Structure formats: C-alpha cells, structure tokens
C-alpha cells in the first residue's frame, strides 16, 4: 500500500490554495488482478498563509491461497510550511497489517523551490514490530527493529506544461536480515502487492513525467524497489490522468503494472475523486 501519490496531489492543492479556510478532500479505490482492493480517504486544509495540513486513512485487503483474508491499515498526517524559497514538511504515519507487522513512522523534509526547480532532502525514522506466525516447521517469532531512511527528491519544470520528478531513498535497518526460506511465512506476509511487508524496502527510486493539457494532467511514473526481508525487486509503471468534473471537483484515473520477483506480474486500476473548497 502506497499513499505517496495521493499526498502529492493534496500538497499541490495546498500550494495552490495556501490560505486559512481553504480545504481539499479526496476518496479513492484501487483494485488489482490478484483480487486485492484498497480504499483511501484524504483531507487537507490551509491553516494560514503558506501552511498546509494534510492527512489520510487507507485500508487494503487480499485473499490468501489458504482462504484467509490479509488486511492492512494506514493513517498519516503531515504539516507543510513554505517560507519562500525554503520549505519544511514534517509528518507521522501508522501502519498495521493483520497482527503481523506494525510500524510507526516519523519523517521530515527540507526543500527549496522557485518557479523552475524544487530540490528536497528527506529523513525518515521507522519503528517496527514484526510477528512471524507459527508453522509446522517452526514457532512464531516477534522481532522489534527500526530503520533510518535518507532520501533526495527533485522536480524540474521543463516547459510551461511539462515537468520531470526524480526521487530516491535508502534505508539502514537496526537488525540484519537474511532471505526467508520458509515458504509458508513468505506467502503469508508477502502474498500480493498490497501486503504491508512490501513497505519494508532497502531502497527505492522513481522518475515521473507530468504533462499539463489545459486543465487536464497526465503523469507517467516508473519505479524500482528492493525488499529488505525477501531481497527481491519490484518494477512498476503507472499512468495517471487527472481532469476536472466541475469547478471544484477533479477525477483521476490510474492504470499500472508491477513486475515483481516475488508475486509476479500484476495489473492494477484506480479511481479517485478530489473536491476543493474554501475561499
């Protein structure tokens, strides 16, 4: 489950509104070819000039080969203030996946931007509680560990209607991991692209091309990540199209495909609606 793209949309809305009383609300659903489904509720509000508070709730579920249902829940809140030309973002998130994985995350970002370029440095601290279930071959284990993530991001406005975004992040974990050989455990904690364990990445890089067409917006994103526990790579390609439904409402359609060493090739579709209000 990844909510980065949704917060990016709310952040853009916050930069555009950026006044006390302005707000944005988003709802969405995503489904994939493995019968996984996720839903998300987002919100953001201007607290004053150049200050934007955003948050969200998300839930996903996927049916395992055993017939059991694996659920994951996510909550996040972020505060952004732009001092011109420097800005600061701070946020906290909570993840929980079917009593298997729990995570509390804190992050901070310092960025600089003008009309042509945005450059950012990012830090994230993640505190994990991982419980592997009992199997026929071994008892369950509880593993508590943490991770420090250091990342960079950049956005370049290539033309009036075209932008290029780049990002990368590397994590350093407090405990060493070895590939999990027990297939029962691997299947349970990594059954699909929506499994929460897929957020345990060693590194992640992405590149996005955005194209404005009047009030419409196209985005093509390519990403590559490596899982720290399973030590497998996942490559993703996503196409998104955002268009207005009314003066204060946008709708976004998404189509993507994952190619994972672990869960194979998966196609996913998404639909999100955003409402903007205030002054």
Protein backbone atom coordinates (compact mmCIF):
# COMPACT_ATOMS: atom_id res chain seq x y z
CA UNK A 1 0.00 0.00 0.00
CA UNK A 2 1.47 3.33 -1.01
CA UNK A 3 -0.12 6.71 -0.37
CA UNK A 4 2.68 8.93 -1.64
CA UNK A 5 0.92 9.83 -4.88
CA UNK A 6 -2.26 10.91 -3.04
CA UNK A 7 -0.39 13.21 -0.70
CA UNK A 8 1.45 14.70 -3.66
CA UNK A 9 -1.91 15.72 -5.12
CA UNK A 10 -3.07 17.24 -1.84
CA UNK A 11 0.27 19.01 -1.48
CA UNK A 12 -0.19 20.58 -4.91
CA UNK A 13 -3.65 21.67 -3.84
CA UNK A 14 -2.18 23.11 -0.64
CA UNK A 15 0.42 25.10 -2.56
CA UNK A 16 -2.31 26.49 -4.79
CA UNK A 17 -4.78 27.34 -2.00
CA UNK A 18 -2.47 28.08 0.93
CA UNK A 19 -4.92 30.30 2.80
CA UNK A 20 -6.80 29.76 6.02
CA UNK A 21 -10.22 28.27 5.33
CA UNK A 22 -9.26 26.51 2.07
CA UNK A 23 -9.51 22.73 2.06
CA UNK A 24 -9.38 19.60 -0.12
CA UNK A 25 -10.97 16.17 0.30
CA UNK A 26 -10.25 13.02 -1.70
CA UNK A 27 -11.67 9.49 -1.82
CA UNK A 28 -10.48 6.60 -3.92
CA UNK A 29 -10.38 2.89 -4.64
CA UNK A 30 -7.76 0.68 -6.26
CA UNK A 31 -8.11 -2.93 -7.43
CA UNK A 32 -5.62 -5.35 -8.96
CA UNK A 33 -5.60 -8.59 -10.95
CA UNK A 34 -4.81 -10.62 -7.79
CA UNK A 35 -8.23 -9.65 -6.37
CA UNK A 36 -6.66 -7.19 -3.95
CA UNK A 37 -8.51 -3.97 -3.17
CA UNK A 38 -7.65 -0.80 -1.28
CA UNK A 39 -9.61 2.31 -0.32
CA UNK A 40 -8.37 5.71 0.81
CA UNK A 41 -9.82 8.85 2.39
CA UNK A 42 -7.74 12.04 2.24
CA UNK A 43 -8.11 15.57 3.54
CA UNK A 44 -6.16 18.80 3.72
CA UNK A 45 -6.69 22.33 4.99
CA UNK A 46 -4.92 25.68 4.87
CA UNK A 47 -4.05 26.85 8.39
CA UNK A 48 -2.74 30.20 7.24
CA UNK A 49 -0.67 31.77 4.53
CA UNK A 50 1.73 29.11 3.10
CA UNK A 51 0.81 26.49 5.74
CA UNK A 52 -0.97 23.28 4.76
CA UNK A 53 -2.10 20.38 6.97
CA UNK A 54 -2.98 17.07 5.26
CA UNK A 55 -3.88 13.58 6.42
CA UNK A 56 -5.38 10.33 5.31
CA UNK A 57 -6.72 6.90 6.15
CA UNK A 58 -6.32 3.83 3.93
CA UNK A 59 -7.29 0.17 4.11
CA UNK A 60 -6.45 -2.79 1.88
CA UNK A 61 -7.37 -6.47 1.80
CA UNK A 62 -6.27 -9.50 -0.19
CA UNK A 63 -7.36 -13.14 -0.04
CA UNK A 64 -4.57 -15.67 0.55
CA UNK A 65 -4.30 -19.09 -1.09
CA UNK A 66 -5.42 -20.58 2.26
CA UNK A 67 -8.71 -18.66 2.04
CA UNK A 68 -7.73 -16.30 4.86
CA UNK A 69 -8.01 -12.54 4.31
CA UNK A 70 -4.98 -10.34 4.90
CA UNK A 71 -5.86 -6.76 5.85
CA UNK A 72 -3.66 -3.68 6.21
CA UNK A 73 -4.49 -0.27 7.68
CA UNK A 74 -2.70 3.04 7.33
CA UNK A 75 -3.03 6.51 8.87
CA UNK A 76 -0.94 9.60 8.16
CA UNK A 77 -0.76 13.30 8.98
CA UNK A 78 1.63 15.91 7.54
CA UNK A 79 2.30 19.62 8.06
CA UNK A 80 3.93 21.76 5.36
CA UNK A 81 5.08 25.36 5.67
CA UNK A 82 6.67 27.36 2.88
CA UNK A 83 8.94 30.24 3.93
CA UNK A 84 9.83 31.23 0.33
CA UNK A 85 12.13 29.95 -1.05
CA UNK A 86 12.70 27.36 1.74
CA UNK A 87 10.00 25.00 2.96
CA UNK A 88 9.70 22.40 5.72
CA UNK A 89 7.50 19.29 5.96
CA UNK A 90 7.04 17.05 9.00
CA UNK A 91 4.80 14.01 9.23
CA UNK A 92 3.91 10.91 11.18
CA UNK A 93 2.31 7.66 9.98
CA UNK A 94 0.99 4.43 11.47
CA UNK A 95 0.80 1.07 9.66
CA UNK A 96 -0.73 -2.20 10.80
CA UNK A 97 -1.10 -5.46 8.89
CA UNK A 98 -3.25 -8.30 10.32
CA UNK A 99 -1.30 -8.62 13.60
CA UNK A 100 1.84 -9.42 11.59
CA UNK A 101 3.52 -6.06 11.07
CA UNK A 102 3.12 -2.76 12.90
CA UNK A 103 5.05 0.41 12.14
CA UNK A 104 5.21 3.95 13.49
CA UNK A 105 6.98 6.37 11.15
CA UNK A 106 8.30 9.91 11.62
CA UNK A 107 9.63 11.95 8.73
CA UNK A 108 10.96 15.42 7.96
CA UNK A 109 11.89 17.17 4.74
CA UNK A 110 13.66 20.42 3.94
CA UNK A 111 13.10 21.77 0.42
CA UNK A 112 13.97 24.74 -1.75
CA UNK A 113 11.96 25.81 -4.76
CA UNK A 114 11.44 28.52 -7.32
CA UNK A 115 9.36 28.69 -10.48
CA UNK A 116 11.62 26.21 -12.31
CA UNK A 117 13.12 23.81 -9.74
CA UNK A 118 12.31 22.09 -6.44
CA UNK A 119 15.08 20.29 -4.50
CA UNK A 120 14.48 18.38 -1.25
CA UNK A 121 16.38 16.35 1.32
CA UNK A 122 14.37 13.82 3.34
CA UNK A 123 14.83 11.87 6.58
CA UNK A 124 12.54 9.14 7.91
CA UNK A 125 12.63 7.04 11.08
CA UNK A 126 10.55 3.84 11.16
CA UNK A 127 9.88 1.75 14.30
CA UNK A 128 8.71 -1.81 13.52
CA UNK A 129 7.14 -4.76 15.35
CA UNK A 130 7.13 -7.89 13.13
CA UNK A 131 5.50 -11.14 14.29
CA UNK A 132 6.01 -14.23 12.14
CA UNK A 133 3.22 -16.82 12.66
CA UNK A 134 3.59 -20.39 13.83
CA UNK A 135 4.15 -23.00 11.12
CA UNK A 136 4.51 -26.78 11.03
CA UNK A 137 8.29 -26.37 10.96
CA UNK A 138 8.95 -23.52 13.39
CA UNK A 139 7.33 -21.46 16.17
CA UNK A 140 6.41 -17.83 15.61
CA UNK A 141 8.82 -15.03 16.45
CA UNK A 142 8.48 -11.39 17.44
CA UNK A 143 11.12 -9.07 16.03
CA UNK A 144 11.35 -5.41 17.06
CA UNK A 145 13.63 -3.20 14.99
CA UNK A 146 13.90 0.23 13.40
CA UNK A 147 15.22 1.87 10.26
CA UNK A 148 16.66 5.23 9.20
CA UNK A 149 15.85 6.41 5.69
CA UNK A 150 17.75 9.12 3.82
CA UNK A 151 16.39 10.40 0.53
CA UNK A 152 16.52 13.14 -2.06
CA UNK A 153 13.88 14.44 -4.45
CA UNK A 154 13.82 16.93 -7.29
CA UNK A 155 11.26 18.45 -9.63
CA UNK A 156 12.11 20.34 -12.79
CA UNK A 157 9.62 22.40 -14.80
CA UNK A 158 10.99 21.63 -18.26
CA UNK A 159 8.46 23.78 -20.09
CA UNK A 160 5.31 25.68 -19.16
CA UNK A 161 3.31 22.43 -19.38
CA UNK A 162 5.89 19.68 -18.71
CA UNK A 163 7.67 18.63 -15.51
CA UNK A 164 10.13 15.90 -14.53
CA UNK A 165 10.31 14.50 -10.97
CA UNK A 166 13.06 12.28 -9.54
CA UNK A 167 13.32 10.67 -6.11
CA UNK A 168 15.38 8.07 -4.28
CA UNK A 169 15.64 6.76 -0.73
CA UNK A 170 17.94 4.30 1.05
CA UNK A 171 17.16 2.64 4.41
CA UNK A 172 19.54 1.38 7.09
CA UNK A 173 17.98 -1.24 9.41
CA UNK A 174 18.99 -1.88 13.02
CA UNK A 175 18.99 -5.68 12.55
CA UNK A 176 20.44 -7.79 9.72
CA UNK A 177 18.01 -9.70 7.52
CA UNK A 178 18.52 -12.95 5.70
CA UNK A 179 16.25 -14.30 2.97
CA UNK A 180 13.28 -16.14 4.48
CA UNK A 181 13.37 -19.72 3.25
CA UNK A 182 10.12 -20.93 4.84
CA UNK A 183 7.57 -20.62 2.03
CA UNK A 184 4.58 -20.60 4.39
CA UNK A 185 5.85 -17.44 6.04
CA UNK A 186 6.78 -15.80 2.74
CA UNK A 187 3.33 -16.48 1.27
CA UNK A 188 1.59 -15.07 4.34
CA UNK A 189 3.50 -11.84 4.73
CA UNK A 190 4.08 -11.11 1.03
CA UNK A 191 1.05 -12.53 -0.75
CA UNK A 192 0.46 -9.55 -3.05
CA UNK A 193 1.46 -6.00 -3.93
CA UNK A 194 -0.90 -4.76 -1.19
CA UNK A 195 0.80 -6.74 1.60
CA UNK A 196 2.17 -4.37 4.21
CA UNK A 197 5.51 -6.21 4.26
CA UNK A 198 6.22 -4.67 0.85
CA UNK A 199 6.76 -1.35 2.61
CA UNK A 200 9.94 -2.85 4.13
CA UNK A 201 12.23 -1.70 1.36
CA UNK A 202 16.00 -1.49 1.29
CA UNK A 203 15.97 1.18 -1.40
CA UNK A 204 13.52 2.85 -3.77
CA UNK A 205 13.94 5.07 -6.83
CA UNK A 206 11.34 6.64 -9.13
CA UNK A 207 11.03 9.01 -12.08
CA UNK A 208 7.84 10.78 -13.20
CA UNK A 209 6.94 12.84 -16.24
CA UNK A 210 3.98 15.20 -15.86
CA UNK A 211 2.19 16.87 -18.77
CA UNK A 212 -0.49 19.57 -18.40
CA UNK A 213 -3.06 19.78 -21.15
CA UNK A 214 -5.19 22.77 -20.27
CA UNK A 215 -6.92 21.81 -17.01
CA UNK A 216 -6.07 18.15 -17.56
CA UNK A 217 -2.94 16.46 -16.25
CA UNK A 218 -1.12 13.30 -17.41
CA UNK A 219 1.57 11.56 -15.38
CA UNK A 220 3.80 8.61 -16.23
CA UNK A 221 5.79 7.10 -13.36
CA UNK A 222 8.45 4.38 -13.33
CA UNK A 223 9.77 2.99 -10.03
CA UNK A 224 12.09 0.28 -8.78
CA UNK A 225 12.35 -1.01 -5.20
CA UNK A 226 14.09 -3.83 -3.32
CA UNK A 227 12.52 -5.63 -0.34
CA UNK A 228 14.90 -5.91 2.61
CA UNK A 229 13.47 -9.20 4.01
CA UNK A 230 12.73 -11.17 0.86
CA UNK A 231 15.55 -9.47 -1.08
CA UNK A 232 13.58 -9.28 -4.30
CA UNK A 233 12.99 -6.40 -6.71
CA UNK A 234 9.74 -4.89 -7.92
CA UNK A 235 9.49 -2.73 -11.02
CA UNK A 236 6.37 -0.61 -11.53
CA UNK A 237 4.94 1.52 -14.31
CA UNK A 238 1.89 3.72 -13.75
CA UNK A 239 -0.13 6.05 -15.98
CA UNK A 240 -2.47 8.60 -14.33
CA UNK A 241 -4.92 11.06 -15.84
CA UNK A 242 -6.49 13.88 -13.82
CA UNK A 243 -9.31 16.01 -15.19
CA UNK A 244 -11.95 18.40 -13.78
CA UNK A 245 -15.51 17.23 -13.22
CA UNK A 246 -16.69 20.67 -12.14
CA UNK A 247 -15.23 23.97 -10.98
CA UNK A 248 -14.24 22.45 -7.63
CA UNK A 249 -14.04 18.71 -8.36
CA UNK A 250 -11.37 16.59 -10.08
CA UNK A 251 -11.37 12.92 -11.01
CA UNK A 252 -8.25 10.80 -11.51
CA UNK A 253 -7.95 7.50 -13.40
CA UNK A 254 -4.92 5.27 -12.95
CA UNK A 255 -3.57 2.20 -14.76
CA UNK A 256 -0.40 0.41 -13.69
CA UNK A 257 1.60 -2.79 -13.79
CA UNK A 258 4.03 -4.39 -11.35
CA UNK A 259 6.72 -6.88 -12.31
CA UNK A 260 7.89 -8.47 -9.05
CA UNK A 261 10.38 -11.27 -8.40
CA UNK A 262 8.10 -12.34 -5.55
CA UNK A 263 4.44 -12.03 -6.56
CA UNK A 264 4.84 -11.93 -10.35
CA UNK A 265 3.13 -9.59 -12.80
CA UNK A 266 0.08 -7.69 -11.55
CA UNK A 267 -2.11 -5.09 -13.27
CA UNK A 268 -3.96 -2.51 -11.17
CA UNK A 269 -6.63 0.11 -11.77
CA UNK A 270 -7.55 3.11 -9.60
CA UNK A 271 -10.20 5.80 -9.42
CA UNK A 272 -10.04 8.88 -7.16
CA UNK A 273 -12.21 11.96 -6.77
CA UNK A 274 -10.98 15.23 -5.23
CA UNK A 275 -13.09 18.14 -4.02
CA UNK A 276 -11.61 21.62 -3.36
CA UNK A 277 -13.38 24.21 -1.25
CA UNK A 278 -12.90 27.40 0.73
CA UNK A 279 -12.30 30.98 -0.31
